[in-house]
């Protein structure tokens, strides 16, 4: 595991989570919540994508894309769960 790639995935996940929160306001966790959920999702998904995809998606593009997509997905899942439990 490369530390630089992990940091890129965390940052891009935070950006992806914040973007997803801005796009889907009904699932938003607030600015800090979106960023935290996005960073966690970006780190997890970025590592999984790097492991599964191997050489297909490698380097900065793979780290940024995997982190952003993973961050957006985890933030939306957390928002859906929060909305379901609030009712």
PDB file of N, CA and C in Angstrom:
ATOM      1  N   UNK A   1       0.855  -1.177   0.000  1.00  0.00           N
ATOM      2  CA  UNK A   1       0.000   0.000   0.000  1.00  0.00           C
ATOM      3  C   UNK A   1       0.898   1.236   0.000  1.00  0.00           C
ATOM      4  N   UNK A   2       0.624   2.112  -0.905  1.00  0.00           N
ATOM      5  CA  UNK A   2       1.383   3.348  -1.042  1.00  0.00           C
ATOM      6  C   UNK A   2       0.687   4.447  -0.238  1.00  0.00           C
ATOM      7  N   UNK A   3       1.425   5.097   0.642  1.00  0.00           N
ATOM      8  CA  UNK A   3       0.846   6.131   1.496  1.00  0.00           C
ATOM      9  C   UNK A   3       0.356   7.329   0.687  1.00  0.00           C
ATOM     10  N   UNK A   4       1.097   7.689  -0.358  1.00  0.00           N
ATOM     11  CA  UNK A   4       0.676   8.821  -1.195  1.00  0.00           C
ATOM     12  C   UNK A   4      -0.648   8.532  -1.880  1.00  0.00           C
ATOM     13  N   UNK A   5      -0.802   7.320  -2.398  1.00  0.00           N
ATOM     14  CA  UNK A   5      -2.063   6.953  -3.054  1.00  0.00           C
ATOM     15  C   UNK A   5      -3.214   6.972  -2.060  1.00  0.00           C
ATOM     16  N   UNK A   6      -2.959   6.509  -0.840  1.00  0.00           N
ATOM     17  CA  UNK A   6      -4.009   6.525   0.180  1.00  0.00           C
ATOM     18  C   UNK A   6      -4.428   7.945   0.523  1.00  0.00           C
ATOM     19  N   UNK A   7      -3.481   8.847   0.655  1.00  0.00           N
ATOM     20  CA  UNK A   7      -3.813  10.253   0.936  1.00  0.00           C
ATOM     21  C   UNK A   7      -4.611  10.873  -0.202  1.00  0.00           C
ATOM     22  N   UNK A   8      -4.239  10.563  -1.440  1.00  0.00           N
ATOM     23  CA  UNK A   8      -4.982  11.069  -2.599  1.00  0.00           C
ATOM     24  C   UNK A   8      -6.404  10.516  -2.578  1.00  0.00           C
ATOM     25  N   UNK A   9      -6.563   9.248  -2.238  1.00  0.00           N
ATOM     26  CA  UNK A   9      -7.894   8.648  -2.176  1.00  0.00           C
ATOM     27  C   UNK A   9      -8.742   9.274  -1.069  1.00  0.00           C
ATOM     28  N   UNK A  10      -8.135   9.551   0.070  1.00  0.00           N
ATOM     29  CA  UNK A  10      -8.875  10.182   1.168  1.00  0.00           C
ATOM     30  C   UNK A  10      -9.352  11.581   0.785  1.00  0.00           C
ATOM     31  N   UNK A  11      -8.462  12.358   0.173  1.00  0.00           N
ATOM     32  CA  UNK A  11      -8.822  13.729  -0.214  1.00  0.00           C
ATOM     33  C   UNK A  11      -9.871  13.713  -1.321  1.00  0.00           C
ATOM     34  N   UNK A  12      -9.678  12.866  -2.325  1.00  0.00           N
ATOM     35  CA  UNK A  12     -10.660  12.822  -3.409  1.00  0.00           C
ATOM     36  C   UNK A  12     -11.985  12.250  -2.912  1.00  0.00           C
ATOM     37  N   UNK A  13     -11.947  11.355  -1.934  1.00  0.00           N
ATOM     38  CA  UNK A  13     -13.183  10.858  -1.336  1.00  0.00           C
ATOM     39  C   UNK A  13     -13.931  11.954  -0.596  1.00  0.00           C
ATOM     40  N   UNK A  14     -13.189  12.797   0.130  1.00  0.00           N
ATOM     41  CA  UNK A  14     -13.826  13.920   0.820  1.00  0.00           C
ATOM     42  C   UNK A  14     -14.472  14.872  -0.176  1.00  0.00           C
ATOM     43  N   UNK A  15     -13.799  15.125  -1.281  1.00  0.00           N
ATOM     44  CA  UNK A  15     -14.363  15.990  -2.329  1.00  0.00           C
ATOM     45  C   UNK A  15     -15.586  15.325  -2.952  1.00  0.00           C
ATOM     46  N   UNK A  16     -15.487  14.017  -3.227  1.00  0.00           N
ATOM     47  CA  UNK A  16     -16.623  13.293  -3.799  1.00  0.00           C
ATOM     48  C   UNK A  16     -17.819  13.264  -2.863  1.00  0.00           C
ATOM     49  N   UNK A  17     -17.572  13.066  -1.578  1.00  0.00           N
ATOM     50  CA  UNK A  17     -18.660  13.080  -0.605  1.00  0.00           C
ATOM     51  C   UNK A  17     -19.314  14.446  -0.490  1.00  0.00           C
ATOM     52  N   UNK A  18     -18.507  15.486  -0.523  1.00  0.00           N
ATOM     53  CA  UNK A  18     -19.056  16.848  -0.466  1.00  0.00           C
ATOM     54  C   UNK A  18     -19.857  17.171  -1.716  1.00  0.00           C
ATOM     55  N   UNK A  19     -19.374  16.721  -2.863  1.00  0.00           N
ATOM     56  CA  UNK A  19     -20.101  16.959  -4.119  1.00  0.00           C
ATOM     57  C   UNK A  19     -21.424  16.196  -4.130  1.00  0.00           C
ATOM     58  N   UNK A  20     -21.405  14.962  -3.642  1.00  0.00           N
ATOM     59  CA  UNK A  20     -22.645  14.185  -3.586  1.00  0.00           C
ATOM     60  C   UNK A  20     -23.636  14.812  -2.610  1.00  0.00           C
ATOM     61  N   UNK A  21     -23.136  15.344  -1.497  1.00  0.00           N
ATOM     62  CA  UNK A  21     -24.014  16.013  -0.542  1.00  0.00           C
ATOM     63  C   UNK A  21     -24.631  17.278  -1.113  1.00  0.00           C
ATOM     64  N   UNK A  22     -23.869  17.987  -1.947  1.00  0.00           N
ATOM     65  CA  UNK A  22     -24.403  19.188  -2.592  1.00  0.00           C
ATOM     66  C   UNK A  22     -25.417  18.827  -3.670  1.00  0.00           C
ATOM     67  N   UNK A  23     -25.199  17.703  -4.343  1.00  0.00           N
ATOM     68  CA  UNK A  23     -26.107  17.300  -5.417  1.00  0.00           C
ATOM     69  C   UNK A  23     -27.393  16.682  -4.869  1.00  0.00           C
ATOM     70  N   UNK A  24     -27.295  15.931  -3.795  1.00  0.00           N
ATOM     71  CA  UNK A  24     -28.459  15.262  -3.212  1.00  0.00           C
ATOM     72  C   UNK A  24     -28.680  15.813  -1.806  1.00  0.00           C
ATOM     73  N   UNK A  25     -29.289  16.972  -1.745  1.00  0.00           N
ATOM     74  CA  UNK A  25     -29.431  17.672  -0.470  1.00  0.00           C
ATOM     75  C   UNK A  25     -30.271  16.896   0.551  1.00  0.00           C
ATOM     76  N   UNK A  26     -31.208  16.076   0.108  1.00  0.00           N
ATOM     77  CA  UNK A  26     -32.032  15.331   1.062  1.00  0.00           C
ATOM     78  C   UNK A  26     -31.227  14.262   1.798  1.00  0.00           C
ATOM     79  N   UNK A  27     -30.060  13.881   1.274  1.00  0.00           N
ATOM     80  CA  UNK A  27     -29.214  12.884   1.925  1.00  0.00           C
ATOM     81  C   UNK A  27     -27.960  13.498   2.537  1.00  0.00           C
ATOM     82  N   UNK A  28     -27.851  14.802   2.522  1.00  0.00           N
ATOM     83  CA  UNK A  28     -26.663  15.481   3.018  1.00  0.00           C
ATOM     84  C   UNK A  28     -26.504  15.278   4.523  1.00  0.00           C
ATOM     85  N   UNK A  29     -25.262  15.104   4.952  1.00  0.00           N
ATOM     86  CA  UNK A  29     -24.942  14.937   6.364  1.00  0.00           C
ATOM     87  C   UNK A  29     -24.344  16.205   6.958  1.00  0.00           C
ATOM     88  N   UNK A  30     -24.397  17.296   6.225  1.00  0.00           N
ATOM     89  CA  UNK A  30     -23.729  18.524   6.629  1.00  0.00           C
ATOM     90  C   UNK A  30     -22.334  18.548   6.024  1.00  0.00           C
ATOM     91  N   UNK A  31     -21.713  19.677   6.014  1.00  0.00           N
ATOM     92  CA  UNK A  31     -20.425  19.824   5.332  1.00  0.00           C
ATOM     93  C   UNK A  31     -19.354  18.901   5.905  1.00  0.00           C
ATOM     94  N   UNK A  32     -19.242  18.874   7.218  1.00  0.00           N
ATOM     95  CA  UNK A  32     -18.205  18.048   7.850  1.00  0.00           C
ATOM     96  C   UNK A  32     -18.563  16.569   7.738  1.00  0.00           C
ATOM     97  N   UNK A  33     -19.825  16.224   7.919  1.00  0.00           N
ATOM     98  CA  UNK A  33     -20.262  14.831   7.798  1.00  0.00           C
ATOM     99  C   UNK A  33     -20.051  14.280   6.404  1.00  0.00           C
ATOM    100  N   UNK A  34     -20.362  15.092   5.397  1.00  0.00           N
ATOM    101  CA  UNK A  34     -20.136  14.666   4.016  1.00  0.00           C
ATOM    102  C   UNK A  34     -18.658  14.403   3.759  1.00  0.00           C
ATOM    103  N   UNK A  35     -17.811  15.300   4.256  1.00  0.00           N
ATOM    104  CA  UNK A  35     -16.370  15.160   4.028  1.00  0.00           C
ATOM    105  C   UNK A  35     -15.811  13.938   4.755  1.00  0.00           C
ATOM    106  N   UNK A  36     -16.246  13.704   5.992  1.00  0.00           N
ATOM    107  CA  UNK A  36     -15.747  12.548   6.748  1.00  0.00           C
ATOM    108  C   UNK A  36     -16.215  11.245   6.112  1.00  0.00           C
ATOM    109  N   UNK A  37     -17.509  11.149   5.812  1.00  0.00           N
ATOM    110  CA  UNK A  37     -18.019   9.933   5.178  1.00  0.00           C
ATOM    111  C   UNK A  37     -17.357   9.719   3.820  1.00  0.00           C
ATOM    112  N   UNK A  38     -17.142  10.807   3.090  1.00  0.00           N
ATOM    113  CA  UNK A  38     -16.486  10.697   1.790  1.00  0.00           C
ATOM    114  C   UNK A  38     -15.044  10.238   1.911  1.00  0.00           C
ATOM    115  N   UNK A  39     -14.324  10.745   2.900  1.00  0.00           N
ATOM    116  CA  UNK A  39     -12.926  10.342   3.077  1.00  0.00           C
ATOM    117  C   UNK A  39     -12.825   8.869   3.442  1.00  0.00           C
ATOM    118  N   UNK A  40     -13.696   8.407   4.329  1.00  0.00           N
ATOM    119  CA  UNK A  40     -13.684   6.989   4.700  1.00  0.00           C
ATOM    120  C   UNK A  40     -14.031   6.126   3.485  1.00  0.00           C
ATOM    121  N   UNK A  41     -15.074   6.514   2.769  1.00  0.00           N
ATOM    122  CA  UNK A  41     -15.459   5.759   1.572  1.00  0.00           C
ATOM    123  C   UNK A  41     -14.393   5.798   0.492  1.00  0.00           C
ATOM    124  N   UNK A  42     -13.748   6.937   0.357  1.00  0.00           N
ATOM    125  CA  UNK A  42     -12.686   7.056  -0.640  1.00  0.00           C
ATOM    126  C   UNK A  42     -11.506   6.168  -0.323  1.00  0.00           C
ATOM    127  N   UNK A  43     -11.126   6.104   0.946  1.00  0.00           N
ATOM    128  CA  UNK A  43     -10.024   5.244   1.337  1.00  0.00           C
ATOM    129  C   UNK A  43     -10.337   3.776   1.132  1.00  0.00           C
ATOM    130  N   UNK A  44     -11.531   3.368   1.533  1.00  0.00           N
ATOM    131  CA  UNK A  44     -11.914   1.957   1.403  1.00  0.00           C
ATOM    132  C   UNK A  44     -12.075   1.574  -0.059  1.00  0.00           C
ATOM    133  N   UNK A  45     -12.859   2.340  -0.799  1.00  0.00           N
ATOM    134  CA  UNK A  45     -13.106   2.000  -2.201  1.00  0.00           C
ATOM    135  C   UNK A  45     -11.845   2.121  -3.045  1.00  0.00           C
ATOM    136  N   UNK A  46     -11.030   3.111  -2.758  1.00  0.00           N
ATOM    137  CA  UNK A  46      -9.791   3.258  -3.516  1.00  0.00           C
ATOM    138  C   UNK A  46      -8.877   2.063  -3.351  1.00  0.00           C
ATOM    139  N   UNK A  47      -8.785   1.546  -2.132  1.00  0.00           N
ATOM    140  CA  UNK A  47      -7.963   0.362  -1.898  1.00  0.00           C
ATOM    141  C   UNK A  47      -8.576  -0.870  -2.545  1.00  0.00           C
ATOM    142  N   UNK A  48      -9.894  -1.032  -2.471  1.00  0.00           N
ATOM    143  CA  UNK A  48     -10.547  -2.173  -3.089  1.00  0.00           C
ATOM    144  C   UNK A  48     -10.415  -2.142  -4.609  1.00  0.00           C
ATOM    145  N   UNK A  49     -10.615  -0.980  -5.184  1.00  0.00           N
ATOM    146  CA  UNK A  49     -10.497  -0.863  -6.638  1.00  0.00           C
ATOM    147  C   UNK A  49      -9.067  -1.128  -7.072  1.00  0.00           C
ATOM    148  N   UNK A  50      -8.111  -0.625  -6.320  1.00  0.00           N
ATOM    149  CA  UNK A  50      -6.716  -0.871  -6.650  1.00  0.00           C
ATOM    150  C   UNK A  50      -6.356  -2.342  -6.569  1.00  0.00           C
ATOM    151  N   UNK A  51      -6.938  -3.050  -5.603  1.00  0.00           N
ATOM    152  CA  UNK A  51      -6.668  -4.473  -5.442  1.00  0.00           C
ATOM    153  C   UNK A  51      -7.355  -5.293  -6.520  1.00  0.00           C
ATOM    154  N   UNK A  52      -8.624  -4.969  -6.802  1.00  0.00           N
ATOM    155  CA  UNK A  52      -9.394  -5.775  -7.756  1.00  0.00           C
ATOM    156  C   UNK A  52      -9.046  -5.464  -9.203  1.00  0.00           C
ATOM    157  N   UNK A  53      -8.904  -4.207  -9.521  1.00  0.00           N
ATOM    158  CA  UNK A  53      -8.661  -3.826 -10.910  1.00  0.00           C
ATOM    159  C   UNK A  53      -7.207  -4.040 -11.310  1.00  0.00           C
ATOM    160  N   UNK A  54      -6.337  -4.008 -10.306  1.00  0.00           N
ATOM    161  CA  UNK A  54      -4.928  -4.269 -10.589  1.00  0.00           C
ATOM    162  C   UNK A  54      -4.318  -3.241 -11.512  1.00  0.00           C
ATOM    163  N   UNK A  55      -3.800  -3.685 -12.624  1.00  0.00           N
ATOM    164  CA  UNK A  55      -3.062  -2.831 -13.537  1.00  0.00           C
ATOM    165  C   UNK A  55      -3.964  -2.011 -14.455  1.00  0.00           C
ATOM    166  N   UNK A  56      -5.254  -2.353 -14.529  1.00  0.00           N
ATOM    167  CA  UNK A  56      -6.147  -1.624 -15.444  1.00  0.00           C
ATOM    168  C   UNK A  56      -6.285  -0.160 -15.044  1.00  0.00           C
ATOM    169  N   UNK A  57      -6.568   0.065 -13.766  1.00  0.00           N
ATOM    170  CA  UNK A  57      -6.750   1.432 -13.272  1.00  0.00           C
ATOM    171  C   UNK A  57      -5.665   1.669 -12.243  1.00  0.00           C
ATOM    172  N   UNK A  58      -4.573   2.218 -12.688  1.00  0.00           N
ATOM    173  CA  UNK A  58      -3.446   2.404 -11.785  1.00  0.00           C
ATOM    174  C   UNK A  58      -2.962   3.846 -11.856  1.00  0.00           C
ATOM    175  N   UNK A  59      -2.290   4.251 -10.842  1.00  0.00           N
ATOM    176  CA  UNK A  59      -1.718   5.593 -10.821  1.00  0.00           C
ATOM    177  C   UNK A  59      -2.674   6.607 -10.248  1.00  0.00           C
ATOM    178  N   UNK A  60      -2.390   7.865 -10.563  1.00  0.00           N
ATOM    179  CA  UNK A  60      -3.156   8.981 -10.001  1.00  0.00           C
ATOM    180  C   UNK A  60      -4.607   8.964 -10.444  1.00  0.00           C
ATOM    181  N   UNK A  61      -4.850   8.624 -11.692  1.00  0.00           N
ATOM    182  CA  UNK A  61      -6.228   8.645 -12.201  1.00  0.00           C
ATOM    183  C   UNK A  61      -7.073   7.623 -11.456  1.00  0.00           C
ATOM    184  N   UNK A  62      -6.535   6.428 -11.252  1.00  0.00           N
ATOM    185  CA  UNK A  62      -7.268   5.398 -10.531  1.00  0.00           C
ATOM    186  C   UNK A  62      -7.506   5.772  -9.084  1.00  0.00           C
ATOM    187  N   UNK A  63      -6.513   6.374  -8.449  1.00  0.00           N
ATOM    188  CA  UNK A  63      -6.663   6.781  -7.050  1.00  0.00           C
ATOM    189  C   UNK A  63      -7.706   7.880  -6.909  1.00  0.00           C
ATOM    190  N   UNK A  64      -7.664   8.857  -7.792  1.00  0.00           N
ATOM    191  CA  UNK A  64      -8.622   9.964  -7.726  1.00  0.00           C
ATOM    192  C   UNK A  64     -10.030   9.490  -8.048  1.00  0.00           C
ATOM    193  N   UNK A  65     -10.178   8.714  -9.122  1.00  0.00           N
ATOM    194  CA  UNK A  65     -11.504   8.241  -9.520  1.00  0.00           C
ATOM    195  C   UNK A  65     -12.087   7.293  -8.477  1.00  0.00           C
ATOM    196  N   UNK A  66     -11.278   6.347  -8.016  1.00  0.00           N
ATOM    197  CA  UNK A  66     -11.764   5.402  -7.009  1.00  0.00           C
ATOM    198  C   UNK A  66     -12.140   6.088  -5.716  1.00  0.00           C
ATOM    199  N   UNK A  67     -11.333   7.040  -5.298  1.00  0.00           N
ATOM    200  CA  UNK A  67     -11.632   7.771  -4.071  1.00  0.00           C
ATOM    201  C   UNK A  67     -12.890   8.600  -4.183  1.00  0.00           C
ATOM    202  N   UNK A  68     -13.039   9.299  -5.284  1.00  0.00           N
ATOM    203  CA  UNK A  68     -14.212  10.166  -5.456  1.00  0.00           C
ATOM    204  C   UNK A  68     -15.498   9.356  -5.551  1.00  0.00           C
ATOM    205  N   UNK A  69     -15.472   8.291  -6.323  1.00  0.00           N
ATOM    206  CA  UNK A  69     -16.673   7.464  -6.469  1.00  0.00           C
ATOM    207  C   UNK A  69     -17.011   6.783  -5.145  1.00  0.00           C
ATOM    208  N   UNK A  70     -16.007   6.226  -4.489  1.00  0.00           N
ATOM    209  CA  UNK A  70     -16.242   5.574  -3.200  1.00  0.00           C
ATOM    210  C   UNK A  70     -16.752   6.540  -2.149  1.00  0.00           C
ATOM    211  N   UNK A  71     -16.202   7.755  -2.144  1.00  0.00           N
ATOM    212  CA  UNK A  71     -16.664   8.765  -1.191  1.00  0.00           C
ATOM    213  C   UNK A  71     -18.102   9.165  -1.425  1.00  0.00           C
ATOM    214  N   UNK A  72     -18.468   9.329  -2.679  1.00  0.00           N
ATOM    215  CA  UNK A  72     -19.842   9.705  -3.004  1.00  0.00           C
ATOM    216  C   UNK A  72     -20.813   8.586  -2.630  1.00  0.00           C
ATOM    217  N   UNK A  73     -20.438   7.354  -2.926  1.00  0.00           N
ATOM    218  CA  UNK A  73     -21.329   6.225  -2.644  1.00  0.00           C
ATOM    219  C   UNK A  73     -21.538   6.048  -1.144  1.00  0.00           C
ATOM    220  N   UNK A  74     -20.450   6.072  -0.365  1.00  0.00           N
ATOM    221  CA  UNK A  74     -20.600   5.887   1.081  1.00  0.00           C
ATOM    222  C   UNK A  74     -21.368   7.038   1.718  1.00  0.00           C
ATOM    223  N   UNK A  75     -21.158   8.253   1.252  1.00  0.00           N
ATOM    224  CA  UNK A  75     -21.892   9.392   1.801  1.00  0.00           C
ATOM    225  C   UNK A  75     -23.385   9.242   1.514  1.00  0.00           C
ATOM    226  N   UNK A  76     -23.739   8.805   0.312  1.00  0.00           N
ATOM    227  CA  UNK A  76     -25.153   8.619  -0.021  1.00  0.00           C
ATOM    228  C   UNK A  76     -25.770   7.481   0.790  1.00  0.00           C
ATOM    229  N   UNK A  77     -25.029   6.394   0.977  1.00  0.00           N
ATOM    230  CA  UNK A  77     -25.535   5.288   1.794  1.00  0.00           C
ATOM    231  C   UNK A  77     -25.768   5.754   3.231  1.00  0.00           C
ATOM    232  N   UNK A  78     -24.818   6.496   3.783  1.00  0.00           N
ATOM    233  CA  UNK A  78     -24.975   7.002   5.146  1.00  0.00           C
ATOM    234  C   UNK A  78     -26.156   7.958   5.237  1.00  0.00           C
ATOM    235  N   UNK A  79     -26.363   8.788   4.218  1.00  0.00           N
ATOM    236  CA  UNK A  79     -27.499   9.702   4.207  1.00  0.00           C
ATOM    237  C   UNK A  79     -28.828   8.985   4.133  1.00  0.00           C
ATOM    238  N   UNK A  80     -28.906   7.927   3.340  1.00  0.00           N
ATOM    239  CA  UNK A  80     -30.133   7.141   3.231  1.00  0.00           C
ATOM    240  C   UNK A  80     -30.442   6.465   4.562  1.00  0.00           C
ATOM    241  N   UNK A  81     -29.414   5.884   5.191  1.00  0.00           N
ATOM    242  CA  UNK A  81     -29.614   5.220   6.480  1.00  0.00           C
ATOM    243  C   UNK A  81     -30.060   6.231   7.538  1.00  0.00           C
ATOM    244  N   UNK A  82     -29.451   7.405   7.541  1.00  0.00           N
ATOM    245  CA  UNK A  82     -29.837   8.435   8.518  1.00  0.00           C
ATOM    246  C   UNK A  82     -31.295   8.853   8.302  1.00  0.00           C
ATOM    247  N   UNK A  83     -31.700   9.022   7.049  1.00  0.00           N
ATOM    248  CA  UNK A  83     -33.077   9.416   6.773  1.00  0.00           C
ATOM    249  C   UNK A  83     -34.073   8.327   7.154  1.00  0.00           C
ATOM    250  N   UNK A  84     -33.693   7.055   6.948  1.00  0.00           N
ATOM    251  CA  UNK A  84     -34.586   5.953   7.296  1.00  0.00           C
ATOM    252  C   UNK A  84     -34.764   5.826   8.808  1.00  0.00           C
ATOM    253  N   UNK A  85     -33.708   6.072   9.561  1.00  0.00           N
ATOM    254  CA  UNK A  85     -33.815   5.943  11.017  1.00  0.00           C
ATOM    255  C   UNK A  85     -34.464   7.155  11.661  1.00  0.00           C
ATOM    256  N   UNK A  86     -34.515   8.288  10.956  1.00  0.00           N
ATOM    257  CA  UNK A  86     -35.113   9.507  11.511  1.00  0.00           C
ATOM    258  C   UNK A  86     -36.623   9.479  11.450  1.00  0.00           C
ATOM    259  N   UNK A  87     -37.193   8.590  10.672  1.00  0.00           N
ATOM    260  CA  UNK A  87     -38.653   8.560  10.499  1.00  0.00           C
ATOM    261  C   UNK A  87     -39.336   7.712  11.524  1.00  0.00           C
TER     262      UNK A  87
END
